[in-house]
Amino acid sequence: MNWKGLTLAECRPGLYTRSMTYSFSAVVTKEGRMFVALCPELDIASQGRTSATATKNLKEAVRLFFETASPAEQRRSTLAG
């Protein structure tokens, strides 16, 4: 499953003047009664009771990563994936 990521301008308004959009993969698996969604490029995961909820939660986790991580950490994570 592929989904379009958020633009950096959305995540950190004022720091980015241009919009850059990244696309990331989401690997969703069922573990017991829960679904786990993983973005392997960033090594970020989330979960939910449905596949859609797990994916929604993963998107929020990725957005929060870009809001809070330093620019150096963002570069390391996006280049490592």
N, C-alpha and C. Protein backbone atom coordinates (compact mmCIF):
# COMPACT_ATOMS: atom_id res chain seq x y z
N MET A 1 0.86 -1.16 0.00
CA MET A 1 0.00 0.00 0.00
C MET A 1 0.91 1.23 0.00
N ASN A 2 0.65 2.15 -0.87
CA ASN A 2 1.37 3.42 -0.89
C ASN A 2 0.41 4.54 -0.57
N TRP A 3 0.90 5.56 0.10
CA TRP A 3 0.10 6.74 0.39
C TRP A 3 0.99 7.94 0.34
N LYS A 4 0.41 9.03 -0.08
CA LYS A 4 1.18 10.27 -0.14
C LYS A 4 1.40 10.80 1.25
N GLY A 5 2.61 11.17 1.52
CA GLY A 5 2.94 11.76 2.80
C GLY A 5 2.46 13.20 2.88
N LEU A 6 2.79 13.83 3.96
CA LEU A 6 2.43 15.22 4.16
C LEU A 6 3.53 16.11 3.59
N THR A 7 3.18 17.32 3.26
CA THR A 7 4.21 18.25 2.84
C THR A 7 4.91 18.77 4.08
N LEU A 8 6.19 19.08 3.93
CA LEU A 8 6.95 19.61 5.07
C LEU A 8 6.39 20.95 5.50
N ALA A 9 5.84 21.72 4.57
CA ALA A 9 5.25 23.01 4.92
C ALA A 9 4.05 22.82 5.84
N GLU A 10 3.31 21.74 5.68
CA GLU A 10 2.17 21.44 6.56
C GLU A 10 2.65 21.08 7.96
N CYS A 11 3.77 20.39 8.05
CA CYS A 11 4.27 19.90 9.33
C CYS A 11 4.97 20.98 10.14
N ARG A 12 5.70 21.84 9.48
CA ARG A 12 6.45 22.87 10.20
C ARG A 12 6.25 24.21 9.50
N PRO A 13 5.08 24.81 9.66
CA PRO A 13 4.81 26.09 9.01
C PRO A 13 5.84 27.13 9.43
N GLY A 14 6.25 27.92 8.47
CA GLY A 14 7.21 28.98 8.75
C GLY A 14 8.65 28.55 8.52
N LEU A 15 8.94 27.26 8.64
CA LEU A 15 10.31 26.80 8.41
C LEU A 15 10.55 26.45 6.95
N TYR A 16 9.51 26.07 6.25
CA TYR A 16 9.64 25.68 4.86
C TYR A 16 8.79 26.61 4.01
N THR A 17 9.41 27.20 3.02
CA THR A 17 8.66 28.09 2.15
C THR A 17 8.13 27.36 0.92
N ARG A 18 8.74 26.27 0.57
CA ARG A 18 8.27 25.48 -0.56
C ARG A 18 7.62 24.20 -0.05
N SER A 19 6.66 23.73 -0.77
CA SER A 19 6.04 22.46 -0.41
C SER A 19 6.83 21.32 -1.04
N MET A 20 7.17 20.36 -0.23
CA MET A 20 7.82 19.14 -0.70
C MET A 20 6.95 17.99 -0.25
N THR A 21 6.61 17.11 -1.15
CA THR A 21 5.78 15.97 -0.78
C THR A 21 6.58 14.70 -0.96
N TYR A 22 6.58 13.89 0.07
CA TYR A 22 7.21 12.58 0.01
C TYR A 22 6.12 11.53 -0.05
N SER A 23 6.42 10.42 -0.70
CA SER A 23 5.52 9.28 -0.68
C SER A 23 6.18 8.17 0.11
N PHE A 24 5.42 7.53 0.98
CA PHE A 24 5.93 6.47 1.81
C PHE A 24 5.09 5.22 1.65
N SER A 25 5.67 4.10 2.00
CA SER A 25 4.95 2.82 1.99
C SER A 25 4.32 2.59 3.36
N ALA A 26 3.23 1.87 3.35
CA ALA A 26 2.59 1.43 4.59
C ALA A 26 2.38 -0.07 4.48
N VAL A 27 2.95 -0.81 5.40
CA VAL A 27 2.77 -2.25 5.45
C VAL A 27 1.82 -2.53 6.62
N VAL A 28 0.65 -3.07 6.30
CA VAL A 28 -0.36 -3.31 7.33
C VAL A 28 -0.52 -4.82 7.52
N THR A 29 -0.38 -5.25 8.77
CA THR A 29 -0.53 -6.66 9.11
C THR A 29 -1.49 -6.79 10.29
N LYS A 30 -2.11 -7.95 10.40
CA LYS A 30 -3.00 -8.20 11.53
C LYS A 30 -2.24 -9.00 12.56
N GLU A 31 -2.27 -8.49 13.79
CA GLU A 31 -1.62 -9.18 14.90
C GLU A 31 -2.66 -9.34 16.01
N GLY A 32 -3.16 -10.55 16.14
CA GLY A 32 -4.23 -10.80 17.11
C GLY A 32 -5.49 -10.07 16.66
N ARG A 33 -6.04 -9.23 17.55
CA ARG A 33 -7.25 -8.46 17.22
C ARG A 33 -6.95 -7.08 16.65
N MET A 34 -5.67 -6.73 16.60
CA MET A 34 -5.28 -5.38 16.15
C MET A 34 -4.57 -5.45 14.81
N PHE A 35 -4.59 -4.32 14.10
CA PHE A 35 -3.83 -4.16 12.88
C PHE A 35 -2.64 -3.26 13.19
N VAL A 36 -1.49 -3.60 12.63
CA VAL A 36 -0.28 -2.81 12.81
C VAL A 36 0.12 -2.25 11.45
N ALA A 37 0.35 -0.95 11.40
CA ALA A 37 0.79 -0.28 10.17
C ALA A 37 2.22 0.21 10.39
N LEU A 38 3.09 -0.14 9.46
CA LEU A 38 4.51 0.22 9.54
C LEU A 38 4.91 1.01 8.31
N CYS A 39 5.63 2.10 8.53
CA CYS A 39 6.27 2.84 7.44
C CYS A 39 7.74 2.44 7.47
N PRO A 40 8.17 1.51 6.62
CA PRO A 40 9.54 1.01 6.70
C PRO A 40 10.60 2.06 6.37
N GLU A 41 10.27 3.02 5.54
CA GLU A 41 11.25 4.05 5.18
C GLU A 41 11.67 4.89 6.38
N LEU A 42 10.75 5.10 7.31
CA LEU A 42 11.03 5.93 8.48
C LEU A 42 11.14 5.12 9.77
N ASP A 43 10.82 3.82 9.71
CA ASP A 43 10.80 2.94 10.86
C ASP A 43 9.84 3.47 11.93
N ILE A 44 8.64 3.84 11.49
CA ILE A 44 7.59 4.34 12.37
C ILE A 44 6.40 3.40 12.23
N ALA A 45 5.78 3.06 13.35
CA ALA A 45 4.64 2.14 13.33
C ALA A 45 3.52 2.69 14.20
N SER A 46 2.32 2.19 13.93
CA SER A 46 1.15 2.52 14.73
C SER A 46 0.20 1.34 14.64
N GLN A 47 -0.92 1.43 15.35
CA GLN A 47 -1.87 0.33 15.34
C GLN A 47 -3.29 0.86 15.41
N GLY A 48 -4.24 -0.04 15.17
CA GLY A 48 -5.65 0.30 15.26
C GLY A 48 -6.49 -0.96 15.19
N ARG A 49 -7.78 -0.82 15.50
CA ARG A 49 -8.68 -1.98 15.47
C ARG A 49 -9.02 -2.40 14.04
N THR A 50 -8.88 -1.48 13.07
CA THR A 50 -9.11 -1.79 11.66
C THR A 50 -7.87 -1.37 10.87
N SER A 51 -7.77 -1.88 9.67
CA SER A 51 -6.66 -1.51 8.78
C SER A 51 -6.69 -0.01 8.51
N ALA A 52 -7.88 0.52 8.28
CA ALA A 52 -8.01 1.96 7.99
C ALA A 52 -7.59 2.81 9.20
N THR A 53 -7.97 2.38 10.40
CA THR A 53 -7.59 3.13 11.60
C THR A 53 -6.08 3.06 11.82
N ALA A 54 -5.49 1.90 11.61
CA ALA A 54 -4.04 1.76 11.77
C ALA A 54 -3.30 2.67 10.77
N THR A 55 -3.79 2.73 9.55
CA THR A 55 -3.17 3.58 8.54
C THR A 55 -3.35 5.05 8.90
N LYS A 56 -4.53 5.42 9.35
CA LYS A 56 -4.78 6.80 9.78
C LYS A 56 -3.84 7.18 10.93
N ASN A 57 -3.70 6.29 11.90
CA ASN A 57 -2.82 6.55 13.03
C ASN A 57 -1.35 6.64 12.59
N LEU A 58 -0.97 5.84 11.60
CA LEU A 58 0.39 5.91 11.08
C LEU A 58 0.66 7.25 10.42
N LYS A 59 -0.30 7.73 9.64
CA LYS A 59 -0.14 9.05 9.01
C LYS A 59 0.06 10.14 10.06
N GLU A 60 -0.69 10.05 11.16
CA GLU A 60 -0.55 11.02 12.25
C GLU A 60 0.83 10.90 12.90
N ALA A 61 1.31 9.68 13.09
CA ALA A 61 2.64 9.47 13.68
C ALA A 61 3.74 10.04 12.78
N VAL A 62 3.60 9.86 11.48
CA VAL A 62 4.58 10.42 10.54
C VAL A 62 4.53 11.94 10.58
N ARG A 63 3.32 12.50 10.61
CA ARG A 63 3.18 13.96 10.69
C ARG A 63 3.85 14.50 11.95
N LEU A 64 3.62 13.83 13.08
CA LEU A 64 4.23 14.26 14.33
C LEU A 64 5.75 14.13 14.29
N PHE A 65 6.25 13.10 13.63
CA PHE A 65 7.70 12.96 13.48
C PHE A 65 8.26 14.18 12.76
N PHE A 66 7.64 14.57 11.64
CA PHE A 66 8.16 15.70 10.88
C PHE A 66 7.97 17.02 11.62
N GLU A 67 6.99 17.10 12.49
CA GLU A 67 6.80 18.31 13.28
C GLU A 67 7.86 18.45 14.36
N THR A 68 8.29 17.34 14.94
CA THR A 68 9.14 17.42 16.12
C THR A 68 10.60 17.08 15.88
N ALA A 69 10.91 16.30 14.87
CA ALA A 69 12.30 15.90 14.63
C ALA A 69 13.10 17.07 14.07
N SER A 70 14.35 17.09 14.41
CA SER A 70 15.23 18.14 13.88
C SER A 70 15.42 17.90 12.38
N PRO A 71 15.79 18.94 11.63
CA PRO A 71 16.04 18.74 10.20
C PRO A 71 17.11 17.67 9.93
N ALA A 72 18.12 17.58 10.79
CA ALA A 72 19.16 16.56 10.61
C ALA A 72 18.57 15.17 10.78
N GLU A 73 17.72 14.97 11.78
CA GLU A 73 17.08 13.68 12.00
C GLU A 73 16.15 13.32 10.85
N GLN A 74 15.45 14.31 10.33
CA GLN A 74 14.57 14.07 9.18
C GLN A 74 15.38 13.60 7.98
N ARG A 75 16.51 14.25 7.73
CA ARG A 75 17.36 13.85 6.60
C ARG A 75 17.88 12.42 6.80
N ARG A 76 18.34 12.10 8.01
CA ARG A 76 18.85 10.76 8.28
C ARG A 76 17.77 9.71 8.04
N SER A 77 16.56 9.98 8.51
CA SER A 77 15.47 9.01 8.38
C SER A 77 15.03 8.85 6.94
N THR A 78 14.91 9.93 6.19
CA THR A 78 14.44 9.81 4.82
C THR A 78 15.52 9.25 3.90
N LEU A 79 16.78 9.49 4.20
CA LEU A 79 17.87 8.94 3.39
C LEU A 79 18.15 7.49 3.72
N ALA A 80 17.93 7.09 4.97
CA ALA A 80 18.19 5.72 5.38
C ALA A 80 17.19 4.75 4.77
N GLY A 81 15.93 5.22 4.57
CA GLY A 81 14.87 4.34 4.06
C GLY A 81 15.09 3.99 2.65
